[in-house]
Amino acid sequence: MGPPVRRQRTGALPGQVPALIPPEEHTTLVALADARTFAEPGRPLTAVDLYDTPGQTAVLPCSMVGSMACNLEIGNMDFHEFVAEESTELWREG
């Protein structure tokens, strides 16, 4: 996994993200910051799957994105395991 790349795409929807990533890059996810990131506690980011189900999203606290990326990269977990189901608290701060 390479260093994070910061690109600004104003108005891009999460489902459009997979098409923006060059196919030769081995990238498992992209984390998007939006207005919610800067307004809500925990700075939630929208993670977009680029591997299992491209375009699928999960919203999680900024502090958990690194853990998510590592678990996906080593195959310890699949993206769908990070997607919260309705009325389920998936992430807890330790």
PDB file of N, CA and C in Angstrom:
ATOM      1  N   MET A   1       0.860  -1.164   0.000  1.00  0.00           N
ATOM      2  CA  MET A   1       0.000   0.000   0.000  1.00  0.00           C
ATOM      3  C   MET A   1       0.907   1.226   0.000  1.00  0.00           C
ATOM      4  N   GLY A   2       0.679   2.103  -0.942  1.00  0.00           N
ATOM      5  CA  GLY A   2       1.487   3.296  -1.070  1.00  0.00           C
ATOM      6  C   GLY A   2       1.016   4.416  -0.157  1.00  0.00           C
ATOM      7  N   PRO A   3       1.699   5.527  -0.200  1.00  0.00           N
ATOM      8  CA  PRO A   3       1.300   6.670   0.622  1.00  0.00           C
ATOM      9  C   PRO A   3      -0.041   7.219   0.158  1.00  0.00           C
ATOM     10  N   PRO A   4      -0.770   7.856   1.081  1.00  0.00           N
ATOM     11  CA  PRO A   4      -2.063   8.420   0.677  1.00  0.00           C
ATOM     12  C   PRO A   4      -1.885   9.510  -0.377  1.00  0.00           C
ATOM     13  N   VAL A   5      -2.796   9.537  -1.299  1.00  0.00           N
ATOM     14  CA  VAL A   5      -2.776  10.552  -2.347  1.00  0.00           C
ATOM     15  C   VAL A   5      -3.964  11.461  -2.114  1.00  0.00           C
ATOM     16  N   ARG A   6      -3.727  12.753  -2.077  1.00  0.00           N
ATOM     17  CA  ARG A   6      -4.803  13.704  -1.836  1.00  0.00           C
ATOM     18  C   ARG A   6      -5.171  14.370  -3.154  1.00  0.00           C
ATOM     19  N   ARG A   7      -6.388  14.114  -3.594  1.00  0.00           N
ATOM     20  CA  ARG A   7      -6.897  14.752  -4.807  1.00  0.00           C
ATOM     21  C   ARG A   7      -8.241  15.361  -4.464  1.00  0.00           C
ATOM     22  N   GLN A   8      -8.481  16.525  -4.947  1.00  0.00           N
ATOM     23  CA  GLN A   8      -9.752  17.190  -4.687  1.00  0.00           C
ATOM     24  C   GLN A   8     -10.672  17.008  -5.883  1.00  0.00           C
ATOM     25  N   ARG A   9     -11.858  16.476  -5.631  1.00  0.00           N
ATOM     26  CA  ARG A   9     -12.891  16.286  -6.657  1.00  0.00           C
ATOM     27  C   ARG A   9     -14.184  16.851  -6.098  1.00  0.00           C
ATOM     28  N   THR A  10     -14.471  18.068  -6.388  1.00  0.00           N
ATOM     29  CA  THR A  10     -15.678  18.696  -5.899  1.00  0.00           C
ATOM     30  C   THR A  10     -16.890  18.107  -6.592  1.00  0.00           C
ATOM     31  N   GLY A  11     -17.846  17.653  -5.779  1.00  0.00           N
ATOM     32  CA  GLY A  11     -19.101  17.153  -6.310  1.00  0.00           C
ATOM     33  C   GLY A  11     -19.100  15.704  -6.754  1.00  0.00           C
ATOM     34  N   ALA A  12     -17.999  14.990  -6.618  1.00  0.00           N
ATOM     35  CA  ALA A  12     -17.967  13.580  -7.011  1.00  0.00           C
ATOM     36  C   ALA A  12     -18.767  12.756  -6.006  1.00  0.00           C
ATOM     37  N   LEU A  13     -19.582  11.865  -6.503  1.00  0.00           N
ATOM     38  CA  LEU A  13     -20.357  10.963  -5.654  1.00  0.00           C
ATOM     39  C   LEU A  13     -19.533   9.712  -5.372  1.00  0.00           C
ATOM     40  N   PRO A  14     -19.745   9.072  -4.206  1.00  0.00           N
ATOM     41  CA  PRO A  14     -18.956   7.879  -3.883  1.00  0.00           C
ATOM     42  C   PRO A  14     -18.991   6.802  -4.964  1.00  0.00           C
ATOM     43  N   GLY A  15     -20.120   6.609  -5.599  1.00  0.00           N
ATOM     44  CA  GLY A  15     -20.225   5.593  -6.637  1.00  0.00           C
ATOM     45  C   GLY A  15     -19.401   5.895  -7.875  1.00  0.00           C
ATOM     46  N   GLN A  16     -18.986   7.145  -8.041  1.00  0.00           N
ATOM     47  CA  GLN A  16     -18.173   7.548  -9.190  1.00  0.00           C
ATOM     48  C   GLN A  16     -16.677   7.354  -8.939  1.00  0.00           C
ATOM     49  N   VAL A  17     -16.306   7.147  -7.700  1.00  0.00           N
ATOM     50  CA  VAL A  17     -14.889   7.080  -7.337  1.00  0.00           C
ATOM     51  C   VAL A  17     -14.132   5.943  -8.026  1.00  0.00           C
ATOM     52  N   PRO A  18     -14.665   4.715  -8.085  1.00  0.00           N
ATOM     53  CA  PRO A  18     -13.869   3.650  -8.724  1.00  0.00           C
ATOM     54  C   PRO A  18     -13.398   3.986 -10.138  1.00  0.00           C
ATOM     55  N   ALA A  19     -14.177   4.701 -10.895  1.00  0.00           N
ATOM     56  CA  ALA A  19     -13.792   5.061 -12.262  1.00  0.00           C
ATOM     57  C   ALA A  19     -12.661   6.089 -12.297  1.00  0.00           C
ATOM     58  N   LEU A  20     -12.411   6.773 -11.188  1.00  0.00           N
ATOM     59  CA  LEU A  20     -11.367   7.801 -11.132  1.00  0.00           C
ATOM     60  C   LEU A  20      -9.991   7.233 -10.794  1.00  0.00           C
ATOM     61  N   ILE A  21      -9.947   5.982 -10.361  1.00  0.00           N
ATOM     62  CA  ILE A  21      -8.686   5.380  -9.934  1.00  0.00           C
ATOM     63  C   ILE A  21      -8.068   4.616 -11.104  1.00  0.00           C
ATOM     64  N   PRO A  22      -6.820   4.914 -11.448  1.00  0.00           N
ATOM     65  CA  PRO A  22      -6.173   4.200 -12.553  1.00  0.00           C
ATOM     66  C   PRO A  22      -6.142   2.690 -12.283  1.00  0.00           C
ATOM     67  N   PRO A  23      -6.450   1.861 -13.285  1.00  0.00           N
ATOM     68  CA  PRO A  23      -6.528   0.412 -13.075  1.00  0.00           C
ATOM     69  C   PRO A  23      -5.210  -0.230 -12.648  1.00  0.00           C
ATOM     70  N   GLU A  24      -4.092   0.380 -12.967  1.00  0.00           N
ATOM     71  CA  GLU A  24      -2.806  -0.216 -12.592  1.00  0.00           C
ATOM     72  C   GLU A  24      -2.463  -0.020 -11.109  1.00  0.00           C
ATOM     73  N   GLU A  25      -3.189   0.834 -10.417  1.00  0.00           N
ATOM     74  CA  GLU A  25      -2.954   1.031  -8.990  1.00  0.00           C
ATOM     75  C   GLU A  25      -3.680  -0.046  -8.197  1.00  0.00           C
ATOM     76  N   HIS A  26      -2.972  -0.663  -7.258  1.00  0.00           N
ATOM     77  CA  HIS A  26      -3.606  -1.639  -6.372  1.00  0.00           C
ATOM     78  C   HIS A  26      -4.105  -0.886  -5.148  1.00  0.00           C
ATOM     79  N   THR A  27      -5.348  -0.485  -5.185  1.00  0.00           N
ATOM     80  CA  THR A  27      -5.939   0.304  -4.116  1.00  0.00           C
ATOM     81  C   THR A  27      -7.207  -0.392  -3.651  1.00  0.00           C
ATOM     82  N   THR A  28      -7.329  -0.616  -2.355  1.00  0.00           N
ATOM     83  CA  THR A  28      -8.501  -1.313  -1.838  1.00  0.00           C
ATOM     84  C   THR A  28      -9.636  -0.373  -1.474  1.00  0.00           C
ATOM     85  N   LEU A  29      -9.307   0.876  -1.134  1.00  0.00           N
ATOM     86  CA  LEU A  29     -10.352   1.824  -0.770  1.00  0.00           C
ATOM     87  C   LEU A  29      -9.884   3.251  -0.960  1.00  0.00           C
ATOM     88  N   VAL A  30     -10.851   4.143  -0.989  1.00  0.00           N
ATOM     89  CA  VAL A  30     -10.592   5.585  -0.993  1.00  0.00           C
ATOM     90  C   VAL A  30     -11.429   6.156   0.138  1.00  0.00           C
ATOM     91  N   ALA A  31     -10.845   7.039   0.936  1.00  0.00           N
ATOM     92  CA  ALA A  31     -11.572   7.706   2.015  1.00  0.00           C
ATOM     93  C   ALA A  31     -11.895   9.127   1.567  1.00  0.00           C
ATOM     94  N   LEU A  32     -13.177   9.475   1.636  1.00  0.00           N
ATOM     95  CA  LEU A  32     -13.637  10.797   1.208  1.00  0.00           C
ATOM     96  C   LEU A  32     -14.004  11.652   2.404  1.00  0.00           C
ATOM     97  N   ALA A  33     -13.590  12.892   2.365  1.00  0.00           N
ATOM     98  CA  ALA A  33     -13.996  13.870   3.378  1.00  0.00           C
ATOM     99  C   ALA A  33     -15.039  14.777   2.745  1.00  0.00           C
ATOM    100  N   ASP A  34     -16.081  15.066   3.508  1.00  0.00           N
ATOM    101  CA  ASP A  34     -17.124  15.977   3.030  1.00  0.00           C
ATOM    102  C   ASP A  34     -17.486  16.933   4.161  1.00  0.00           C
ATOM    103  N   ALA A  35     -18.539  17.675   3.994  1.00  0.00           N
ATOM    104  CA  ALA A  35     -18.935  18.651   5.011  1.00  0.00           C
ATOM    105  C   ALA A  35     -19.168  17.987   6.362  1.00  0.00           C
ATOM    106  N   ARG A  36     -19.717  16.774   6.356  1.00  0.00           N
ATOM    107  CA  ARG A  36     -19.968  16.045   7.607  1.00  0.00           C
ATOM    108  C   ARG A  36     -18.659  15.783   8.346  1.00  0.00           C
ATOM    109  N   THR A  37     -17.587  15.522   7.610  1.00  0.00           N
ATOM    110  CA  THR A  37     -16.291  15.245   8.218  1.00  0.00           C
ATOM    111  C   THR A  37     -15.846  16.398   9.114  1.00  0.00           C
ATOM    112  N   PHE A  38     -16.121  17.605   8.687  1.00  0.00           N
ATOM    113  CA  PHE A  38     -15.654  18.764   9.423  1.00  0.00           C
ATOM    114  C   PHE A  38     -16.677  19.306  10.414  1.00  0.00           C
ATOM    115  N   ALA A  39     -17.879  18.743  10.411  1.00  0.00           N
ATOM    116  CA  ALA A  39     -18.940  19.245  11.285  1.00  0.00           C
ATOM    117  C   ALA A  39     -19.282  18.302  12.440  1.00  0.00           C
ATOM    118  N   GLU A  40     -19.036  17.015  12.286  1.00  0.00           N
ATOM    119  CA  GLU A  40     -19.470  16.038  13.286  1.00  0.00           C
ATOM    120  C   GLU A  40     -18.305  15.535  14.135  1.00  0.00           C
ATOM    121  N   PRO A  41     -18.597  15.141  15.373  1.00  0.00           N
ATOM    122  CA  PRO A  41     -17.557  14.551  16.223  1.00  0.00           C
ATOM    123  C   PRO A  41     -17.019  13.268  15.590  1.00  0.00           C
ATOM    124  N   GLY A  42     -15.764  12.979  15.824  1.00  0.00           N
ATOM    125  CA  GLY A  42     -15.153  11.778  15.266  1.00  0.00           C
ATOM    126  C   GLY A  42     -14.703  11.945  13.834  1.00  0.00           C
ATOM    127  N   ARG A  43     -15.021  13.103  13.226  1.00  0.00           N
ATOM    128  CA  ARG A  43     -14.619  13.395  11.849  1.00  0.00           C
ATOM    129  C   ARG A  43     -14.899  12.214  10.911  1.00  0.00           C
ATOM    130  N   PRO A  44     -16.171  11.800  10.764  1.00  0.00           N
ATOM    131  CA  PRO A  44     -16.477  10.623   9.939  1.00  0.00           C
ATOM    132  C   PRO A  44     -16.073  10.794   8.479  1.00  0.00           C
ATOM    133  N   LEU A  45     -15.489   9.750   7.947  1.00  0.00           N
ATOM    134  CA  LEU A  45     -15.099   9.707   6.540  1.00  0.00           C
ATOM    135  C   LEU A  45     -15.957   8.664   5.825  1.00  0.00           C
ATOM    136  N   THR A  46     -16.170   8.859   4.552  1.00  0.00           N
ATOM    137  CA  THR A  46     -16.875   7.875   3.745  1.00  0.00           C
ATOM    138  C   THR A  46     -15.821   7.053   3.017  1.00  0.00           C
ATOM    139  N   ALA A  47     -15.729   5.782   3.363  1.00  0.00           N
ATOM    140  CA  ALA A  47     -14.794   4.875   2.693  1.00  0.00           C
ATOM    141  C   ALA A  47     -15.521   4.251   1.504  1.00  0.00           C
ATOM    142  N   VAL A  48     -14.864   4.225   0.363  1.00  0.00           N
ATOM    143  CA  VAL A  48     -15.440   3.661  -0.854  1.00  0.00           C
ATOM    144  C   VAL A  48     -14.633   2.431  -1.240  1.00  0.00           C
ATOM    145  N   ASP A  49     -15.321   1.300  -1.365  1.00  0.00           N
ATOM    146  CA  ASP A  49     -14.679   0.037  -1.731  1.00  0.00           C
ATOM    147  C   ASP A  49     -14.235   0.073  -3.190  1.00  0.00           C
ATOM    148  N   LEU A  50     -13.013  -0.338  -3.447  1.00  0.00           N
ATOM    149  CA  LEU A  50     -12.488  -0.416  -4.810  1.00  0.00           C
ATOM    150  C   LEU A  50     -12.141  -1.843  -5.195  1.00  0.00           C
ATOM    151  N   TYR A  51     -12.405  -2.812  -4.300  1.00  0.00           N
ATOM    152  CA  TYR A  51     -11.955  -4.169  -4.544  1.00  0.00           C
ATOM    153  C   TYR A  51     -13.094  -5.191  -4.523  1.00  0.00           C
ATOM    154  N   ASP A  52     -13.737  -5.379  -3.372  1.00  0.00           N
ATOM    155  CA  ASP A  52     -14.787  -6.401  -3.247  1.00  0.00           C
ATOM    156  C   ASP A  52     -16.034  -6.041  -4.048  1.00  0.00           C
ATOM    157  N   THR A  53     -16.614  -4.896  -3.729  1.00  0.00           N
ATOM    158  CA  THR A  53     -17.821  -4.405  -4.401  1.00  0.00           C
ATOM    159  C   THR A  53     -17.585  -2.938  -4.728  1.00  0.00           C
ATOM    160  N   PRO A  54     -16.889  -2.645  -5.817  1.00  0.00           N
ATOM    161  CA  PRO A  54     -16.539  -1.253  -6.125  1.00  0.00           C
ATOM    162  C   PRO A  54     -17.741  -0.315  -6.063  1.00  0.00           C
ATOM    163  N   GLY A  55     -17.546   0.772  -5.316  1.00  0.00           N
ATOM    164  CA  GLY A  55     -18.596   1.773  -5.166  1.00  0.00           C
ATOM    165  C   GLY A  55     -19.376   1.646  -3.873  1.00  0.00           C
ATOM    166  N   GLN A  56     -19.284   0.487  -3.196  1.00  0.00           N
ATOM    167  CA  GLN A  56     -19.980   0.335  -1.919  1.00  0.00           C
ATOM    168  C   GLN A  56     -19.324   1.261  -0.901  1.00  0.00           C
ATOM    169  N   THR A  57     -20.127   1.822   0.012  1.00  0.00           N
ATOM    170  CA  THR A  57     -19.586   2.778   0.973  1.00  0.00           C
ATOM    171  C   THR A  57     -19.802   2.323   2.412  1.00  0.00           C
ATOM    172  N   ALA A  58     -18.966   2.843   3.279  1.00  0.00           N
ATOM    173  CA  ALA A  58     -19.092   2.682   4.728  1.00  0.00           C
ATOM    174  C   ALA A  58     -18.641   3.998   5.340  1.00  0.00           C
ATOM    175  N   VAL A  59     -19.359   4.455   6.342  1.00  0.00           N
ATOM    176  CA  VAL A  59     -18.995   5.694   7.033  1.00  0.00           C
ATOM    177  C   VAL A  59     -18.442   5.308   8.400  1.00  0.00           C
ATOM    178  N   LEU A  60     -17.250   5.803   8.704  1.00  0.00           N
ATOM    179  CA  LEU A  60     -16.634   5.473   9.973  1.00  0.00           C
ATOM    180  C   LEU A  60     -15.783   6.628  10.471  1.00  0.00           C
ATOM    181  N   PRO A  61     -15.509   6.650  11.793  1.00  0.00           N
ATOM    182  CA  PRO A  61     -14.688   7.728  12.339  1.00  0.00           C
ATOM    183  C   PRO A  61     -13.309   7.754  11.686  1.00  0.00           C
ATOM    184  N   CYS A  62     -12.783   8.932  11.544  1.00  0.00           N
ATOM    185  CA  CYS A  62     -11.470   9.123  10.936  1.00  0.00           C
ATOM    186  C   CYS A  62     -10.417   8.235  11.601  1.00  0.00           C
ATOM    187  N   SER A  63     -10.490   8.086  12.908  1.00  0.00           N
ATOM    188  CA  SER A  63      -9.492   7.306  13.645  1.00  0.00           C
ATOM    189  C   SER A  63      -9.515   5.820  13.296  1.00  0.00           C
ATOM    190  N   MET A  64     -10.555   5.336  12.635  1.00  0.00           N
ATOM    191  CA  MET A  64     -10.676   3.918  12.311  1.00  0.00           C
ATOM    192  C   MET A  64     -10.296   3.586  10.868  1.00  0.00           C
ATOM    193  N   VAL A  65     -10.083   4.596  10.040  1.00  0.00           N
ATOM    194  CA  VAL A  65      -9.800   4.354   8.624  1.00  0.00           C
ATOM    195  C   VAL A  65      -8.503   3.578   8.437  1.00  0.00           C
ATOM    196  N   GLY A  66      -7.478   3.871   9.209  1.00  0.00           N
ATOM    197  CA  GLY A  66      -6.205   3.155   9.107  1.00  0.00           C
ATOM    198  C   GLY A  66      -6.369   1.678   9.413  1.00  0.00           C
ATOM    199  N   SER A  67      -7.124   1.366  10.455  1.00  0.00           N
ATOM    200  CA  SER A  67      -7.393  -0.022  10.815  1.00  0.00           C
ATOM    201  C   SER A  67      -8.155  -0.733   9.707  1.00  0.00           C
ATOM    202  N   MET A  68      -9.129  -0.037   9.140  1.00  0.00           N
ATOM    203  CA  MET A  68      -9.904  -0.607   8.042  1.00  0.00           C
ATOM    204  C   MET A  68      -8.993  -0.921   6.857  1.00  0.00           C
ATOM    205  N   ALA A  69      -8.163   0.034   6.474  1.00  0.00           N
ATOM    206  CA  ALA A  69      -7.264  -0.150   5.331  1.00  0.00           C
ATOM    207  C   ALA A  69      -6.324  -1.332   5.558  1.00  0.00           C
ATOM    208  N   CYS A  70      -5.771  -1.441   6.754  1.00  0.00           N
ATOM    209  CA  CYS A  70      -4.856  -2.554   7.051  1.00  0.00           C
ATOM    210  C   CYS A  70      -5.576  -3.891   6.985  1.00  0.00           C
ATOM    211  N   ASN A  71      -6.753  -3.977   7.590  1.00  0.00           N
ATOM    212  CA  ASN A  71      -7.506  -5.230   7.578  1.00  0.00           C
ATOM    213  C   ASN A  71      -7.913  -5.643   6.170  1.00  0.00           C
ATOM    214  N   LEU A  72      -8.257  -4.691   5.341  1.00  0.00           N
ATOM    215  CA  LEU A  72      -8.598  -5.013   3.954  1.00  0.00           C
ATOM    216  C   LEU A  72      -7.363  -5.442   3.168  1.00  0.00           C
ATOM    217  N   GLU A  73      -6.264  -4.756   3.372  1.00  0.00           N
ATOM    218  CA  GLU A  73      -5.041  -5.035   2.616  1.00  0.00           C
ATOM    219  C   GLU A  73      -4.501  -6.440   2.900  1.00  0.00           C
ATOM    220  N   ILE A  74      -4.570  -6.889   4.146  1.00  0.00           N
ATOM    221  CA  ILE A  74      -4.039  -8.219   4.473  1.00  0.00           C
ATOM    222  C   ILE A  74      -5.101  -9.314   4.344  1.00  0.00           C
ATOM    223  N   GLY A  75      -6.320  -8.932   3.969  1.00  0.00           N
ATOM    224  CA  GLY A  75      -7.377  -9.922   3.778  1.00  0.00           C
ATOM    225  C   GLY A  75      -7.965 -10.451   5.069  1.00  0.00           C
ATOM    226  N   ASN A  76      -7.759  -9.736   6.166  1.00  0.00           N
ATOM    227  CA  ASN A  76      -8.293 -10.142   7.461  1.00  0.00           C
ATOM    228  C   ASN A  76      -9.807  -9.950   7.529  1.00  0.00           C
ATOM    229  N   MET A  77     -10.314  -8.946   6.826  1.00  0.00           N
ATOM    230  CA  MET A  77     -11.742  -8.647   6.798  1.00  0.00           C
ATOM    231  C   MET A  77     -12.114  -8.235   5.380  1.00  0.00           C
ATOM    232  N   ASP A  78     -13.399  -8.321   5.078  1.00  0.00           N
ATOM    233  CA  ASP A  78     -13.916  -7.857   3.799  1.00  0.00           C
ATOM    234  C   ASP A  78     -14.641  -6.535   4.012  1.00  0.00           C
ATOM    235  N   PHE A  79     -14.778  -5.766   2.965  1.00  0.00           N
ATOM    236  CA  PHE A  79     -15.375  -4.436   3.076  1.00  0.00           C
ATOM    237  C   PHE A  79     -16.767  -4.484   3.698  1.00  0.00           C
ATOM    238  N   HIS A  80     -17.573  -5.445   3.296  1.00  0.00           N
ATOM    239  CA  HIS A  80     -18.954  -5.504   3.799  1.00  0.00           C
ATOM    240  C   HIS A  80     -19.014  -5.633   5.314  1.00  0.00           C
ATOM    241  N   GLU A  81     -17.947  -6.105   5.946  1.00  0.00           N
ATOM    242  CA  GLU A  81     -17.929  -6.230   7.402  1.00  0.00           C
ATOM    243  C   GLU A  81     -17.835  -4.870   8.099  1.00  0.00           C
ATOM    244  N   PHE A  82     -17.494  -3.846   7.354  1.00  0.00           N
ATOM    245  CA  PHE A  82     -17.405  -2.496   7.907  1.00  0.00           C
ATOM    246  C   PHE A  82     -18.676  -1.691   7.667  1.00  0.00           C
ATOM    247  N   VAL A  83     -19.603  -2.235   6.894  1.00  0.00           N
ATOM    248  CA  VAL A  83     -20.835  -1.524   6.573  1.00  0.00           C
ATOM    249  C   VAL A  83     -21.834  -1.771   7.695  1.00  0.00           C
ATOM    250  N   ALA A  84     -22.240  -0.695   8.357  1.00  0.00           N
ATOM    251  CA  ALA A  84     -23.170  -0.809   9.480  1.00  0.00           C
ATOM    252  C   ALA A  84     -24.571  -1.129   8.973  1.00  0.00           C
ATOM    253  N   GLU A  85     -25.226  -2.026   9.675  1.00  0.00           N
ATOM    254  CA  GLU A  85     -26.625  -2.300   9.383  1.00  0.00           C
ATOM    255  C   GLU A  85     -27.467  -1.333  10.196  1.00  0.00           C
ATOM    256  N   GLU A  86     -28.691  -1.125   9.765  1.00  0.00           N
ATOM    257  CA  GLU A  86     -29.578  -0.188  10.448  1.00  0.00           C
ATOM    258  C   GLU A  86     -29.673  -0.527  11.930  1.00  0.00           C
ATOM    259  N   SER A  87     -29.600   0.473  12.759  1.00  0.00           N
ATOM    260  CA  SER A  87     -29.684   0.410  14.228  1.00  0.00           C
ATOM    261  C   SER A  87     -28.547  -0.418  14.850  1.00  0.00           C
ATOM    262  N   THR A  88     -27.424  -0.507  14.175  1.00  0.00           N
ATOM    263  CA  THR A  88     -26.259  -1.225  14.715  1.00  0.00           C
ATOM    264  C   THR A  88     -25.142  -0.221  14.942  1.00  0.00           C
ATOM    265  N   GLU A  89     -24.577  -0.230  16.136  1.00  0.00           N
ATOM    266  CA  GLU A  89     -23.419   0.608  16.443  1.00  0.00           C
ATOM    267  C   GLU A  89     -22.181  -0.210  16.132  1.00  0.00           C
ATOM    268  N   LEU A  90     -21.548   0.042  14.988  1.00  0.00           N
ATOM    269  CA  LEU A  90     -20.427  -0.771  14.546  1.00  0.00           C
ATOM    270  C   LEU A  90     -19.111  -0.347  15.185  1.00  0.00           C
ATOM    271  N   TRP A  91     -18.922   0.948  15.349  1.00  0.00           N
ATOM    272  CA  TRP A  91     -17.637   1.439  15.836  1.00  0.00           C
ATOM    273  C   TRP A  91     -17.750   1.979  17.244  1.00  0.00           C
ATOM    274  N   ARG A  92     -16.836   1.558  18.089  1.00  0.00           N
ATOM    275  CA  ARG A  92     -16.765   2.072  19.442  1.00  0.00           C
ATOM    276  C   ARG A  92     -15.388   2.657  19.660  1.00  0.00           C
ATOM    277  N   GLU A  93     -15.350   3.767  20.322  1.00  0.00           N
ATOM    278  CA  GLU A  93     -14.047   4.355  20.660  1.00  0.00           C
ATOM    279  C   GLU A  93     -13.529   3.666  21.904  1.00  0.00           C
ATOM    280  N   GLY A  94     -12.290   3.201  21.886  1.00  0.00           N
ATOM    281  CA  GLY A  94     -11.696   2.449  22.990  1.00  0.00           C
ATOM    282  C   GLY A  94     -11.199   3.341  24.025  1.00  0.00           C
TER     283      GLY A  94
END
